[in-house]
């Protein structure tokens, strides 16, 4: 009877179950638990074998390479995260170092500017003193020259006066001139003397 059911299932022909068949089916179903769920033993084993082959193939050529690739990817991501953290630390340290260098450069620049101002002020004072000294020397020299020229002018004027007095005295002594001419001669001598002094 069970062979009849398999044959019917294989051929796809369905016959209305007879009372005899249904009684046998109920009896075999109660004795075979697989029959209760409508399972065919041989077909079930074949499906298990097929499933095992598919799992083996997937495990061998899909899951293992996929897991290996995911592992490598995970390691690369971990390395990337680690390198990013190190780069961030280096950036922070570089920023702090840069700020330190900038602060130090400002201090050095301020010192250089202060030194340059001090040197400029010292140089200015030095040149001012040198200029003042030169001007004082030139003034002294000009005064000395003016005094010398004044003294020479006075000597020249005195010489002219003495020459005129000698000439006038000669003329008076010789009686060549009278009192009126004598006054005119003195007036001329005084005018020449005034003209020489200007």
Protein backbone atom coordinates (compact mmCIF):
# COMPACT_ATOMS: atom_id res chain seq x y z
CA UNK A 1 0.00 0.00 0.00
CA UNK A 2 2.75 2.50 0.79
CA UNK A 3 4.26 1.75 -2.60
CA UNK A 4 0.96 2.69 -4.13
CA UNK A 5 1.09 6.12 -2.48
CA UNK A 6 4.64 6.74 -3.72
CA UNK A 7 3.68 5.66 -7.21
CA UNK A 8 0.70 7.96 -7.15
CA UNK A 9 2.86 10.85 -5.96
CA UNK A 10 5.46 10.18 -8.68
CA UNK A 11 3.01 9.99 -11.52
CA UNK A 12 1.02 12.94 -10.36
CA UNK A 13 -2.23 11.04 -10.74
CA UNK A 14 -4.60 11.54 -7.94
CA UNK A 15 -7.22 8.96 -7.12
CA UNK A 16 -9.83 9.57 -4.63
CA UNK A 17 -8.77 7.91 -1.46
CA UNK A 18 -10.64 4.84 -0.72
CA UNK A 19 -11.70 3.94 2.72
CA UNK A 20 -9.21 1.16 2.76
CA UNK A 21 -6.38 3.45 1.74
CA UNK A 22 -7.28 6.04 4.30
CA UNK A 23 -7.37 3.45 7.03
CA UNK A 24 -3.87 2.24 6.08
CA UNK A 25 -2.62 5.79 5.90
CA UNK A 26 -3.92 6.57 9.35
CA UNK A 27 -2.33 3.40 10.70
CA UNK A 28 1.10 4.11 9.10
CA UNK A 29 0.92 7.77 10.14
CA UNK A 30 0.44 6.82 13.71
CA UNK A 31 3.43 4.44 13.60
CA UNK A 32 5.78 6.75 11.52
CA UNK A 33 6.26 10.29 12.91
CA UNK A 34 7.64 11.59 9.55
CA UNK A 35 4.39 10.66 7.92
CA UNK A 36 2.50 12.83 10.40
CA UNK A 37 4.25 15.91 8.94
CA UNK A 38 3.94 14.67 5.37
CA UNK A 39 7.68 14.07 4.91
CA UNK A 40 9.15 11.64 2.46
CA UNK A 41 12.24 9.99 3.99
CA UNK A 42 14.29 9.56 0.80
CA UNK A 43 13.43 12.99 -0.50
CA UNK A 44 14.25 14.49 2.90
CA UNK A 45 17.68 12.82 2.95
CA UNK A 46 18.37 14.00 -0.61
CA UNK A 47 17.45 17.55 0.38
CA UNK A 48 19.69 17.32 3.46
CA UNK A 49 22.60 16.19 1.25
CA UNK A 50 21.92 19.02 -1.20
CA UNK A 51 21.75 21.51 1.66
CA UNK A 52 25.02 20.17 3.10
CA UNK A 53 26.70 20.53 -0.32
CA UNK A 54 25.41 24.11 -0.68
CA UNK A 55 26.64 24.97 2.84
CA UNK A 56 30.04 23.37 2.09
CA UNK A 57 30.37 25.27 -1.21
CA UNK A 58 29.25 28.54 0.36
CA UNK A 59 31.56 28.04 3.33
CA UNK A 60 34.54 27.08 1.18
CA UNK A 61 34.29 29.61 -1.65
CA UNK A 62 32.05 32.38 -0.33
CA UNK A 63 32.00 32.70 3.44
CA UNK A 64 35.74 32.12 4.09
CA UNK A 65 36.94 34.61 1.41
CA UNK A 66 34.22 37.02 2.49
CA UNK A 67 35.22 36.72 6.16
CA UNK A 68 38.89 37.07 5.22
CA UNK A 69 38.13 40.19 3.18
CA UNK A 70 36.02 41.62 6.02
CA UNK A 71 38.85 40.88 8.48
CA UNK A 72 41.35 42.68 6.25
CA UNK A 73 38.93 45.56 5.83
CA UNK A 74 38.42 45.76 9.60
CA UNK A 75 42.20 45.78 10.17
CA UNK A 76 42.63 48.54 7.57
CA UNK A 77 39.90 50.58 9.24
CA UNK A 78 41.54 50.10 12.65
CA UNK A 79 44.91 51.15 11.21
CA UNK A 80 43.25 54.17 9.56
CA UNK A 81 41.57 55.18 12.81
CA UNK A 82 44.86 54.77 14.69
CA UNK A 83 46.76 56.81 12.08
CA UNK A 84 44.04 59.50 12.15
CA UNK A 85 44.36 59.71 15.95
CA UNK A 86 48.16 59.97 15.68
CA UNK A 87 47.82 62.61 12.96
CA UNK A 88 45.43 64.56 15.17
CA UNK A 89 47.90 64.40 18.07
CA UNK A 90 50.72 65.51 15.79
CA UNK A 91 48.57 68.36 14.49
CA UNK A 92 47.78 69.51 18.02
CA UNK A 93 51.46 69.35 19.00
CA UNK A 94 52.44 71.15 15.78
CA UNK A 95 49.88 73.86 16.48
CA UNK A 96 51.20 74.36 20.02
CA UNK A 97 54.77 74.37 18.72
CA UNK A 98 53.78 76.91 16.07
CA UNK A 99 52.20 79.15 18.70
CA UNK A 100 55.37 78.89 20.79
CA UNK A 101 57.54 79.80 17.80
CA UNK A 102 55.27 82.75 16.94
CA UNK A 103 55.38 84.01 20.55
CA UNK A 104 59.17 83.66 20.61
CA UNK A 105 59.43 85.45 17.24
CA UNK A 106 57.32 88.32 18.62
CA UNK A 107 59.60 88.60 21.66
CA UNK A 108 62.73 88.56 19.49
CA UNK A 109 61.20 91.10 17.10
CA UNK A 110 60.32 93.39 20.01
CA UNK A 111 63.89 93.11 21.34
CA UNK A 112 65.33 93.90 17.90
CA UNK A 113 63.01 96.92 17.53
CA UNK A 114 63.92 98.18 21.02
CA UNK A 115 67.64 97.76 20.30
CA UNK A 116 67.24 99.53 16.95
CA UNK A 117 65.41 102.44 18.63
CA UNK A 118 68.11 102.68 21.31
CA UNK A 119 70.87 102.62 18.69
CA UNK A 120 69.04 105.21 16.58
CA UNK A 121 68.64 107.53 19.59
CA UNK A 122 72.31 107.08 20.55
CA UNK A 123 73.39 107.73 16.94
CA UNK A 124 71.14 110.80 16.76
CA UNK A 125 72.60 112.19 20.00
CA UNK A 126 76.12 111.41 18.83
CA UNK A 127 75.56 113.21 15.52
CA UNK A 128 73.88 116.12 17.27
CA UNK A 129 76.89 116.47 19.62
CA UNK A 130 79.28 116.19 16.66
CA UNK A 131 77.28 118.80 14.70
CA UNK A 132 77.20 121.13 17.72
CA UNK A 133 80.94 120.72 18.18
CA UNK A 134 81.57 121.45 14.49
CA UNK A 135 79.29 124.51 14.62
CA UNK A 136 81.05 125.77 17.77
CA UNK A 137 84.43 125.28 16.11
CA UNK A 138 83.27 127.14 13.01
CA UNK A 139 81.85 129.97 15.16
CA UNK A 140 85.16 130.22 17.06
CA UNK A 141 87.07 130.26 13.81
CA UNK A 142 84.74 132.88 12.31
CA UNK A 143 85.05 135.03 15.46
CA UNK A 144 88.83 134.68 15.41
CA UNK A 145 88.90 135.60 11.71
CA UNK A 146 86.57 138.58 12.34
CA UNK A 147 88.72 139.76 15.27
CA UNK A 148 91.84 139.39 13.14
CA UNK A 149 90.25 141.30 10.24
CA UNK A 150 89.04 144.02 12.64
CA UNK A 151 92.51 144.34 14.11
CA UNK A 152 94.05 144.51 10.64
CA UNK A 153 91.50 147.15 9.62
CA UNK A 154 92.33 149.19 12.72
CA UNK A 155 96.07 148.89 12.03
CA UNK A 156 95.53 149.93 8.43
CA UNK A 157 93.37 152.86 9.52
CA UNK A 158 95.95 153.92 12.11
CA UNK A 159 98.65 153.75 9.50
CA UNK A 160 96.62 155.90 7.14
CA UNK A 161 95.91 158.36 9.93
CA UNK A 162 99.54 158.49 10.89
CA UNK A 163 100.50 158.98 7.25
CA UNK A 164 97.95 161.76 6.91
CA UNK A 165 99.11 163.39 10.13
CA UNK A 166 102.71 163.27 8.94
CA UNK A 167 101.73 164.79 5.61
CA UNK A 168 99.63 167.44 7.35
CA UNK A 169 102.39 168.18 9.84
CA UNK A 170 104.87 168.57 6.99
CA UNK A 171 102.60 170.98 5.23
CA UNK A 172 101.93 172.95 8.43
CA UNK A 173 105.62 172.97 9.29
CA UNK A 174 106.55 174.21 5.86
CA UNK A 175 103.95 176.97 6.13
CA UNK A 176 102.54 175.93 2.87
CA UNK A 177 99.01 175.87 4.15
CA UNK A 178 97.08 178.27 6.24
CA UNK A 179 94.62 177.57 9.06
CA UNK A 180 91.64 177.22 6.73
CA UNK A 181 93.44 174.68 4.55
CA UNK A 182 94.61 172.94 7.68
CA UNK A 183 91.00 172.46 8.84
CA UNK A 184 89.96 171.16 5.44
CA UNK A 185 92.86 168.71 5.49
CA UNK A 186 91.83 167.43 8.94
CA UNK A 187 88.17 167.11 7.80
CA UNK A 188 89.28 165.11 4.74
CA UNK A 189 91.44 162.84 6.89
CA UNK A 190 88.53 162.19 9.26
CA UNK A 191 86.21 161.43 6.31
CA UNK A 192 88.74 159.03 4.80
CA UNK A 193 89.17 157.35 8.18
CA UNK A 194 85.38 156.93 8.56
CA UNK A 195 85.17 155.57 5.02
CA UNK A 196 88.00 153.06 5.71
CA UNK A 197 86.31 151.80 8.91
CA UNK A 198 83.03 151.08 7.13
